[in-house]
Every structure is written in structure tokens, then in C-alpha cells.
């Protein structure tokens, strides 16, 4: 039971330090700290943005994960947990955004390859030229 209490304190500390890192991450952005706000998108639907709280929440989550990883090392120390949590908090949303962007780019490239294959297949069977042949017959 004592081990569980020790890990609970480390997790709470990791979350708090990660949130502080997320706050610093939001301050390093172009806009600085943004409060939550509502807006209308191009289709006139109401949307809500968490503003800088998004980075703070993601920083806390990243700090918690890194704190758990740091606590399972051979010689865990509070300083290791603080350092990992803080660095993960600063880079938490940036890292996640990079991963999503990389995944999205891979999907786009795969989609474009599939379109190229379809176009090549269509051209090899004369698919697009059929419309021109019909126009010439008329």
C-alpha cells in the first residue's frame, strides 16, 4: 500500500509539472496565452476553443505519462520525474501535433498514389478517351 501512495504522489506531481510545462508552451506561441472562446466556422456553426487550456491539459497528460515512465526506471528520483514531466509538458501538444501531421501526410500520399493508379488504369483501357470519341462521332 505504501508503494501505491508513493506512485500516486509522483503521478500528481508529474501532472502539475506537466501542466506548468504546457502553460510555458502556450506562452512561447505567437499568440501567447489565449482564454477559451466561441466562434462561428465557415458554415456558420458555433464552435468552442479551449484556447491555451488545450496545451495545459495536454502538458498534464504528457507529464503524467513521462512521470510514470520515470518512476519505473532503476533509480527513480523526484528530480528525474520533475525533469521528464516538465520537458514532456512543454513539448506535449507539439509532439502530438507533429505525429498527427505525419500520419495525415502519409494518408494523403497513399490517397494520391491510389488516384494515380486509377487514372493509369482508366487511361490504359481508354476510359477518358471514350468521351472524346463520342463527341467526335456526333
Foldseek 3Di string as FASTA:
>chain_A
DVVVVVLVVLLVLLLVLLLVLLLVLQCPDPVGFDDKDWDADPVRDIDIDRTSVVLSNQSSVQSNVQSVVQVPDPDRDSVSSSVRSNVCSNCRVVVVVVVVVVVVVVVVVVVVVVVVVVVVVCVVVCNVVVVVVVVVVD
